[in-house]
Amino acid sequence: MESKMAIPKVVKQSIATALGHEIRRRRKDHGLLQSDLAEQAGLHETYVSRVERGKSVPSLDVVFALCDALEVEVGPLMTKVKRL
């Protein structure tokens, strides 16, 4: 039986925080409110707020929806997150 390597909680939180900061930065660069981004991505405004604050770790589907709404490719966004 294979053992799964768990990602430490602190690493998950730092990635979530970095991703949230980058999404917030790009949202503001586009002049969007959280409610605007949420509507364009098909998400609830409260959830977008939680993602931006690093309180929720979005699924890949949500990351793609946010990237589509922000008109950015997922790859460059994640590369930026990795460097933060």
PDB file of N, CA and C in Angstrom:
ATOM      1  N   MET A   1       0.838  -1.168   0.000  1.00  0.00           N
ATOM      2  CA  MET A   1       0.000   0.000   0.000  1.00  0.00           C
ATOM      3  C   MET A   1       0.890   1.241   0.000  1.00  0.00           C
ATOM      4  N   GLU A   2       0.609   2.162  -0.904  1.00  0.00           N
ATOM      5  CA  GLU A   2       1.378   3.402  -0.982  1.00  0.00           C
ATOM      6  C   GLU A   2       0.963   4.351   0.132  1.00  0.00           C
ATOM      7  N   SER A   3       1.965   4.997   0.715  1.00  0.00           N
ATOM      8  CA  SER A   3       1.626   6.016   1.703  1.00  0.00           C
ATOM      9  C   SER A   3       1.594   7.372   1.003  1.00  0.00           C
ATOM     10  N   LYS A   4       0.594   8.122   1.329  1.00  0.00           N
ATOM     11  CA  LYS A   4       0.470   9.458   0.740  1.00  0.00           C
ATOM     12  C   LYS A   4       1.301  10.427   1.557  1.00  0.00           C
ATOM     13  N   MET A   5       2.047  11.266   0.844  1.00  0.00           N
ATOM     14  CA  MET A   5       2.812  12.288   1.525  1.00  0.00           C
ATOM     15  C   MET A   5       1.924  13.488   1.733  1.00  0.00           C
ATOM     16  N   ALA A   6       1.641  13.780   2.958  1.00  0.00           N
ATOM     17  CA  ALA A   6       0.772  14.912   3.271  1.00  0.00           C
ATOM     18  C   ALA A   6       1.572  16.208   3.168  1.00  0.00           C
ATOM     19  N   ILE A   7       0.931  17.222   2.624  1.00  0.00           N
ATOM     20  CA  ILE A   7       1.544  18.544   2.563  1.00  0.00           C
ATOM     21  C   ILE A   7       1.310  19.198   3.921  1.00  0.00           C
ATOM     22  N   PRO A   8       2.396  19.637   4.561  1.00  0.00           N
ATOM     23  CA  PRO A   8       2.220  20.270   5.871  1.00  0.00           C
ATOM     24  C   PRO A   8       1.251  21.445   5.808  1.00  0.00           C
ATOM     25  N   LYS A   9       0.464  21.591   6.858  1.00  0.00           N
ATOM     26  CA  LYS A   9      -0.553  22.641   6.911  1.00  0.00           C
ATOM     27  C   LYS A   9       0.057  24.017   6.690  1.00  0.00           C
ATOM     28  N   VAL A  10       1.231  24.271   7.247  1.00  0.00           N
ATOM     29  CA  VAL A  10       1.867  25.579   7.105  1.00  0.00           C
ATOM     30  C   VAL A  10       2.220  25.864   5.642  1.00  0.00           C
ATOM     31  N   VAL A  11       2.598  24.832   4.893  1.00  0.00           N
ATOM     32  CA  VAL A  11       2.910  25.009   3.475  1.00  0.00           C
ATOM     33  C   VAL A  11       1.635  25.317   2.701  1.00  0.00           C
ATOM     34  N   LYS A  12       0.559  24.573   2.994  1.00  0.00           N
ATOM     35  CA  LYS A  12      -0.727  24.838   2.338  1.00  0.00           C
ATOM     36  C   LYS A  12      -1.169  26.275   2.589  1.00  0.00           C
ATOM     37  N   GLN A  13      -1.025  26.717   3.832  1.00  0.00           N
ATOM     38  CA  GLN A  13      -1.446  28.070   4.179  1.00  0.00           C
ATOM     39  C   GLN A  13      -0.604  29.115   3.469  1.00  0.00           C
ATOM     40  N   SER A  14       0.708  28.901   3.366  1.00  0.00           N
ATOM     41  CA  SER A  14       1.551  29.893   2.705  1.00  0.00           C
ATOM     42  C   SER A  14       1.251  29.961   1.212  1.00  0.00           C
ATOM     43  N   ILE A  15       0.966  28.817   0.606  1.00  0.00           N
ATOM     44  CA  ILE A  15       0.598  28.800  -0.811  1.00  0.00           C
ATOM     45  C   ILE A  15      -0.749  29.487  -0.993  1.00  0.00           C
ATOM     46  N   ALA A  16      -1.705  29.176  -0.149  1.00  0.00           N
ATOM     47  CA  ALA A  16      -3.031  29.793  -0.233  1.00  0.00           C
ATOM     48  C   ALA A  16      -2.932  31.302  -0.050  1.00  0.00           C
ATOM     49  N   THR A  17      -2.100  31.737   0.890  1.00  0.00           N
ATOM     50  CA  THR A  17      -1.931  33.175   1.130  1.00  0.00           C
ATOM     51  C   THR A  17      -1.284  33.855  -0.065  1.00  0.00           C
ATOM     52  N   ALA A  18      -0.244  33.244  -0.617  1.00  0.00           N
ATOM     53  CA  ALA A  18       0.437  33.823  -1.781  1.00  0.00           C
ATOM     54  C   ALA A  18      -0.501  33.878  -2.986  1.00  0.00           C
ATOM     55  N   LEU A  19      -1.278  32.816  -3.195  1.00  0.00           N
ATOM     56  CA  LEU A  19      -2.234  32.795  -4.297  1.00  0.00           C
ATOM     57  C   LEU A  19      -3.281  33.884  -4.102  1.00  0.00           C
ATOM     58  N   GLY A  20      -3.792  33.989  -2.896  1.00  0.00           N
ATOM     59  CA  GLY A  20      -4.795  35.014  -2.604  1.00  0.00           C
ATOM     60  C   GLY A  20      -4.278  36.414  -2.830  1.00  0.00           C
ATOM     61  N   HIS A  21      -3.053  36.681  -2.417  1.00  0.00           N
ATOM     62  CA  HIS A  21      -2.467  38.016  -2.619  1.00  0.00           C
ATOM     63  C   HIS A  21      -2.315  38.330  -4.107  1.00  0.00           C
ATOM     64  N   GLU A  22      -1.905  37.330  -4.875  1.00  0.00           N
ATOM     65  CA  GLU A  22      -1.724  37.548  -6.315  1.00  0.00           C
ATOM     66  C   GLU A  22      -3.070  37.766  -7.009  1.00  0.00           C
ATOM     67  N   ILE A  23      -4.088  37.030  -6.604  1.00  0.00           N
ATOM     68  CA  ILE A  23      -5.422  37.231  -7.181  1.00  0.00           C
ATOM     69  C   ILE A  23      -5.934  38.623  -6.820  1.00  0.00           C
ATOM     70  N   ARG A  24      -5.756  39.039  -5.580  1.00  0.00           N
ATOM     71  CA  ARG A  24      -6.182  40.376  -5.159  1.00  0.00           C
ATOM     72  C   ARG A  24      -5.454  41.458  -5.966  1.00  0.00           C
ATOM     73  N   ARG A  25      -4.140  41.280  -6.125  1.00  0.00           N
ATOM     74  CA  ARG A  25      -3.353  42.270  -6.872  1.00  0.00           C
ATOM     75  C   ARG A  25      -3.863  42.398  -8.308  1.00  0.00           C
ATOM     76  N   ARG A  26      -4.097  41.270  -8.935  1.00  0.00           N
ATOM     77  CA  ARG A  26      -4.561  41.289 -10.326  1.00  0.00           C
ATOM     78  C   ARG A  26      -5.984  41.833 -10.429  1.00  0.00           C
ATOM     79  N   ARG A  27      -6.815  41.511  -9.443  1.00  0.00           N
ATOM     80  CA  ARG A  27      -8.185  42.051  -9.443  1.00  0.00           C
ATOM     81  C   ARG A  27      -8.150  43.573  -9.371  1.00  0.00           C
ATOM     82  N   LYS A  28      -7.321  44.084  -8.472  1.00  0.00           N
ATOM     83  CA  LYS A  28      -7.217  45.539  -8.326  1.00  0.00           C
ATOM     84  C   LYS A  28      -6.607  46.181  -9.569  1.00  0.00           C
ATOM     85  N   ASP A  29      -5.636  45.513 -10.187  1.00  0.00           N
ATOM     86  CA  ASP A  29      -5.050  46.012 -11.435  1.00  0.00           C
ATOM     87  C   ASP A  29      -6.108  46.154 -12.524  1.00  0.00           C
ATOM     88  N   HIS A  30      -7.117  45.285 -12.483  1.00  0.00           N
ATOM     89  CA  HIS A  30      -8.213  45.335 -13.460  1.00  0.00           C
ATOM     90  C   HIS A  30      -9.321  46.296 -13.030  1.00  0.00           C
ATOM     91  N   GLY A  31      -9.164  46.893 -11.860  1.00  0.00           N
ATOM     92  CA  GLY A  31     -10.172  47.826 -11.371  1.00  0.00           C
ATOM     93  C   GLY A  31     -11.479  47.165 -10.985  1.00  0.00           C
ATOM     94  N   LEU A  32     -11.392  45.911 -10.551  1.00  0.00           N
ATOM     95  CA  LEU A  32     -12.597  45.161 -10.194  1.00  0.00           C
ATOM     96  C   LEU A  32     -12.792  45.128  -8.684  1.00  0.00           C
ATOM     97  N   LEU A  33     -14.030  45.125  -8.274  1.00  0.00           N
ATOM     98  CA  LEU A  33     -14.391  44.863  -6.895  1.00  0.00           C
ATOM     99  C   LEU A  33     -14.463  43.349  -6.711  1.00  0.00           C
ATOM    100  N   GLN A  34     -14.422  42.892  -5.469  1.00  0.00           N
ATOM    101  CA  GLN A  34     -14.576  41.455  -5.225  1.00  0.00           C
ATOM    102  C   GLN A  34     -15.895  40.948  -5.796  1.00  0.00           C
ATOM    103  N   SER A  35     -16.923  41.753  -5.681  1.00  0.00           N
ATOM    104  CA  SER A  35     -18.231  41.337  -6.202  1.00  0.00           C
ATOM    105  C   SER A  35     -18.197  41.191  -7.723  1.00  0.00           C
ATOM    106  N   ASP A  36     -17.444  42.066  -8.393  1.00  0.00           N
ATOM    107  CA  ASP A  36     -17.307  41.963  -9.857  1.00  0.00           C
ATOM    108  C   ASP A  36     -16.597  40.668 -10.248  1.00  0.00           C
ATOM    109  N   LEU A  37     -15.477  40.409  -9.563  1.00  0.00           N
ATOM    110  CA  LEU A  37     -14.711  39.195  -9.856  1.00  0.00           C
ATOM    111  C   LEU A  37     -15.553  37.955  -9.564  1.00  0.00           C
ATOM    112  N   ALA A  38     -16.239  37.974  -8.440  1.00  0.00           N
ATOM    113  CA  ALA A  38     -17.084  36.832  -8.075  1.00  0.00           C
ATOM    114  C   ALA A  38     -18.133  36.570  -9.148  1.00  0.00           C
ATOM    115  N   GLU A  39     -18.791  37.617  -9.591  1.00  0.00           N
ATOM    116  CA  GLU A  39     -19.827  37.456 -10.616  1.00  0.00           C
ATOM    117  C   GLU A  39     -19.244  36.903 -11.907  1.00  0.00           C
ATOM    118  N   GLN A  40     -18.119  37.462 -12.336  1.00  0.00           N
ATOM    119  CA  GLN A  40     -17.508  37.013 -13.590  1.00  0.00           C
ATOM    120  C   GLN A  40     -17.005  35.574 -13.515  1.00  0.00           C
ATOM    121  N   ALA A  41     -16.581  35.162 -12.316  1.00  0.00           N
ATOM    122  CA  ALA A  41     -16.056  33.803 -12.143  1.00  0.00           C
ATOM    123  C   ALA A  41     -17.143  32.806 -11.737  1.00  0.00           C
ATOM    124  N   GLY A  42     -18.361  33.298 -11.493  1.00  0.00           N
ATOM    125  CA  GLY A  42     -19.441  32.412 -11.084  1.00  0.00           C
ATOM    126  C   GLY A  42     -19.289  31.922  -9.654  1.00  0.00           C
ATOM    127  N   LEU A  43     -18.739  32.782  -8.800  1.00  0.00           N
ATOM    128  CA  LEU A  43     -18.495  32.425  -7.401  1.00  0.00           C
ATOM    129  C   LEU A  43     -19.227  33.384  -6.484  1.00  0.00           C
ATOM    130  N   HIS A  44     -19.283  33.040  -5.216  1.00  0.00           N
ATOM    131  CA  HIS A  44     -19.883  33.929  -4.227  1.00  0.00           C
ATOM    132  C   HIS A  44     -18.824  34.929  -3.766  1.00  0.00           C
ATOM    133  N   GLU A  45     -19.227  36.153  -3.552  1.00  0.00           N
ATOM    134  CA  GLU A  45     -18.307  37.211  -3.126  1.00  0.00           C
ATOM    135  C   GLU A  45     -17.568  36.853  -1.831  1.00  0.00           C
ATOM    136  N   THR A  46     -18.254  36.232  -0.911  1.00  0.00           N
ATOM    137  CA  THR A  46     -17.630  35.834   0.355  1.00  0.00           C
ATOM    138  C   THR A  46     -16.512  34.830   0.118  1.00  0.00           C
ATOM    139  N   TYR A  47     -16.727  33.930  -0.828  1.00  0.00           N
ATOM    140  CA  TYR A  47     -15.700  32.930  -1.140  1.00  0.00           C
ATOM    141  C   TYR A  47     -14.478  33.603  -1.753  1.00  0.00           C
ATOM    142  N   VAL A  48     -14.688  34.537  -2.665  1.00  0.00           N
ATOM    143  CA  VAL A  48     -13.568  35.268  -3.265  1.00  0.00           C
ATOM    144  C   VAL A  48     -12.785  35.988  -2.176  1.00  0.00           C
ATOM    145  N   SER A  49     -13.477  36.583  -1.229  1.00  0.00           N
ATOM    146  CA  SER A  49     -12.819  37.248  -0.110  1.00  0.00           C
ATOM    147  C   SER A  49     -11.954  36.264   0.674  1.00  0.00           C
ATOM    148  N   ARG A  50     -12.489  35.088   0.946  1.00  0.00           N
ATOM    149  CA  ARG A  50     -11.744  34.072   1.705  1.00  0.00           C
ATOM    150  C   ARG A  50     -10.516  33.598   0.924  1.00  0.00           C
ATOM    151  N   VAL A  51     -10.664  33.442  -0.384  1.00  0.00           N
ATOM    152  CA  VAL A  51      -9.525  33.038  -1.212  1.00  0.00           C
ATOM    153  C   VAL A  51      -8.455  34.124  -1.181  1.00  0.00           C
ATOM    154  N   GLU A  52      -8.854  35.377  -1.363  1.00  0.00           N
ATOM    155  CA  GLU A  52      -7.894  36.474  -1.378  1.00  0.00           C
ATOM    156  C   GLU A  52      -7.150  36.604  -0.050  1.00  0.00           C
ATOM    157  N   ARG A  53      -7.791  36.242   1.039  1.00  0.00           N
ATOM    158  CA  ARG A  53      -7.156  36.330   2.366  1.00  0.00           C
ATOM    159  C   ARG A  53      -6.406  35.051   2.730  1.00  0.00           C
ATOM    160  N   GLY A  54      -6.433  34.060   1.843  1.00  0.00           N
ATOM    161  CA  GLY A  54      -5.739  32.806   2.113  1.00  0.00           C
ATOM    162  C   GLY A  54      -6.460  31.925   3.109  1.00  0.00           C
ATOM    163  N   LYS A  55      -7.731  32.194   3.343  1.00  0.00           N
ATOM    164  CA  LYS A  55      -8.524  31.420   4.304  1.00  0.00           C
ATOM    165  C   LYS A  55      -9.162  30.194   3.675  1.00  0.00           C
ATOM    166  N   SER A  56      -9.289  30.193   2.345  1.00  0.00           N
ATOM    167  CA  SER A  56      -9.812  29.044   1.611  1.00  0.00           C
ATOM    168  C   SER A  56      -8.824  28.684   0.511  1.00  0.00           C
ATOM    169  N   VAL A  57      -8.601  27.400   0.349  1.00  0.00           N
ATOM    170  CA  VAL A  57      -7.734  26.912  -0.719  1.00  0.00           C
ATOM    171  C   VAL A  57      -8.640  26.520  -1.882  1.00  0.00           C
ATOM    172  N   PRO A  58      -8.575  27.262  -2.996  1.00  0.00           N
ATOM    173  CA  PRO A  58      -9.483  26.984  -4.099  1.00  0.00           C
ATOM    174  C   PRO A  58      -9.107  25.721  -4.865  1.00  0.00           C
ATOM    175  N   SER A  59     -10.113  25.071  -5.396  1.00  0.00           N
ATOM    176  CA  SER A  59      -9.878  23.913  -6.263  1.00  0.00           C
ATOM    177  C   SER A  59      -9.297  24.410  -7.580  1.00  0.00           C
ATOM    178  N   LEU A  60      -8.820  23.484  -8.384  1.00  0.00           N
ATOM    179  CA  LEU A  60      -8.306  23.864  -9.698  1.00  0.00           C
ATOM    180  C   LEU A  60      -9.391  24.500 -10.556  1.00  0.00           C
ATOM    181  N   ASP A  61     -10.610  23.992 -10.456  1.00  0.00           N
ATOM    182  CA  ASP A  61     -11.722  24.578 -11.211  1.00  0.00           C
ATOM    183  C   ASP A  61     -11.903  26.044 -10.844  1.00  0.00           C
ATOM    184  N   VAL A  62     -11.800  26.363  -9.569  1.00  0.00           N
ATOM    185  CA  VAL A  62     -11.962  27.747  -9.116  1.00  0.00           C
ATOM    186  C   VAL A  62     -10.794  28.596  -9.578  1.00  0.00           C
ATOM    187  N   VAL A  63      -9.581  28.060  -9.511  1.00  0.00           N
ATOM    188  CA  VAL A  63      -8.413  28.809  -9.990  1.00  0.00           C
ATOM    189  C   VAL A  63      -8.585  29.144 -11.469  1.00  0.00           C
ATOM    190  N   PHE A  64      -9.023  28.181 -12.255  1.00  0.00           N
ATOM    191  CA  PHE A  64      -9.244  28.431 -13.686  1.00  0.00           C
ATOM    192  C   PHE A  64     -10.338  29.472 -13.900  1.00  0.00           C
ATOM    193  N   ALA A  65     -11.419  29.400 -13.119  1.00  0.00           N
ATOM    194  CA  ALA A  65     -12.506  30.379 -13.252  1.00  0.00           C
ATOM    195  C   ALA A  65     -12.019  31.781 -12.903  1.00  0.00           C
ATOM    196  N   LEU A  66     -11.231  31.899 -11.842  1.00  0.00           N
ATOM    197  CA  LEU A  66     -10.691  33.207 -11.466  1.00  0.00           C
ATOM    198  C   LEU A  66      -9.732  33.731 -12.527  1.00  0.00           C
ATOM    199  N   CYS A  67      -8.888  32.849 -13.055  1.00  0.00           N
ATOM    200  CA  CYS A  67      -7.952  33.261 -14.105  1.00  0.00           C
ATOM    201  C   CYS A  67      -8.697  33.709 -15.361  1.00  0.00           C
ATOM    202  N   ASP A  68      -9.743  32.988 -15.725  1.00  0.00           N
ATOM    203  CA  ASP A  68     -10.550  33.400 -16.882  1.00  0.00           C
ATOM    204  C   ASP A  68     -11.141  34.784 -16.647  1.00  0.00           C
ATOM    205  N   ALA A  69     -11.675  35.012 -15.466  1.00  0.00           N
ATOM    206  CA  ALA A  69     -12.289  36.303 -15.146  1.00  0.00           C
ATOM    207  C   ALA A  69     -11.256  37.425 -15.136  1.00  0.00           C
ATOM    208  N   LEU A  70     -10.021  37.096 -14.756  1.00  0.00           N
ATOM    209  CA  LEU A  70      -8.949  38.101 -14.700  1.00  0.00           C
ATOM    210  C   LEU A  70      -8.150  38.182 -15.999  1.00  0.00           C
ATOM    211  N   GLU A  71      -8.538  37.340 -16.956  1.00  0.00           N
ATOM    212  CA  GLU A  71      -7.880  37.308 -18.266  1.00  0.00           C
ATOM    213  C   GLU A  71      -6.382  37.059 -18.139  1.00  0.00           C
ATOM    214  N   VAL A  72      -6.062  36.039 -17.352  1.00  0.00           N
ATOM    215  CA  VAL A  72      -4.670  35.639 -17.155  1.00  0.00           C
ATOM    216  C   VAL A  72      -4.586  34.128 -17.272  1.00  0.00           C
ATOM    217  N   GLU A  73      -3.476  33.646 -17.783  1.00  0.00           N
ATOM    218  CA  GLU A  73      -3.258  32.203 -17.877  1.00  0.00           C
ATOM    219  C   GLU A  73      -2.880  31.659 -16.499  1.00  0.00           C
ATOM    220  N   VAL A  74      -3.263  30.440 -16.231  1.00  0.00           N
ATOM    221  CA  VAL A  74      -2.991  29.825 -14.938  1.00  0.00           C
ATOM    222  C   VAL A  74      -1.489  29.672 -14.709  1.00  0.00           C
ATOM    223  N   GLY A  75      -0.757  29.256 -15.730  1.00  0.00           N
ATOM    224  CA  GLY A  75       0.687  29.022 -15.592  1.00  0.00           C
ATOM    225  C   GLY A  75       1.443  30.227 -15.056  1.00  0.00           C
ATOM    226  N   PRO A  76       1.327  31.386 -15.721  1.00  0.00           N
ATOM    227  CA  PRO A  76       2.033  32.575 -15.211  1.00  0.00           C
ATOM    228  C   PRO A  76       1.582  32.987 -13.814  1.00  0.00           C
ATOM    229  N   LEU A  77       0.313  32.821 -13.519  1.00  0.00           N
ATOM    230  CA  LEU A  77      -0.169  33.150 -12.175  1.00  0.00           C
ATOM    231  C   LEU A  77       0.497  32.252 -11.143  1.00  0.00           C
ATOM    232  N   MET A  78       0.529  30.959 -11.400  1.00  0.00           N
ATOM    233  CA  MET A  78       1.112  30.031 -10.440  1.00  0.00           C
ATOM    234  C   MET A  78       2.624  30.210 -10.343  1.00  0.00           C
ATOM    235  N   THR A  79       3.278  30.563 -11.436  1.00  0.00           N
ATOM    236  CA  THR A  79       4.711  30.854 -11.384  1.00  0.00           C
ATOM    237  C   THR A  79       4.984  32.027 -10.470  1.00  0.00           C
ATOM    238  N   LYS A  80       4.145  33.043 -10.571  1.00  0.00           N
ATOM    239  CA  LYS A  80       4.274  34.221  -9.700  1.00  0.00           C
ATOM    240  C   LYS A  80       4.054  33.807  -8.248  1.00  0.00           C
ATOM    241  N   VAL A  81       3.075  32.977  -7.983  1.00  0.00           N
ATOM    242  CA  VAL A  81       2.775  32.521  -6.622  1.00  0.00           C
ATOM    243  C   VAL A  81       3.965  31.752  -6.068  1.00  0.00           C
ATOM    244  N   LYS A  82       4.553  30.915  -6.885  1.00  0.00           N
ATOM    245  CA  LYS A  82       5.688  30.086  -6.466  1.00  0.00           C
ATOM    246  C   LYS A  82       6.867  30.952  -6.024  1.00  0.00           C
ATOM    247  N   ARG A  83       7.014  32.115  -6.644  1.00  0.00           N
ATOM    248  CA  ARG A  83       8.151  32.994  -6.347  1.00  0.00           C
ATOM    249  C   ARG A  83       7.929  33.878  -5.142  1.00  0.00           C
ATOM    250  N   LEU A  84       6.663  33.980  -4.666  1.00  0.00           N
ATOM    251  CA  LEU A  84       6.383  34.852  -3.526  1.00  0.00           C
ATOM    252  C   LEU A  84       6.881  34.263  -2.236  1.00  0.00           C
TER     253      LEU A  84
END
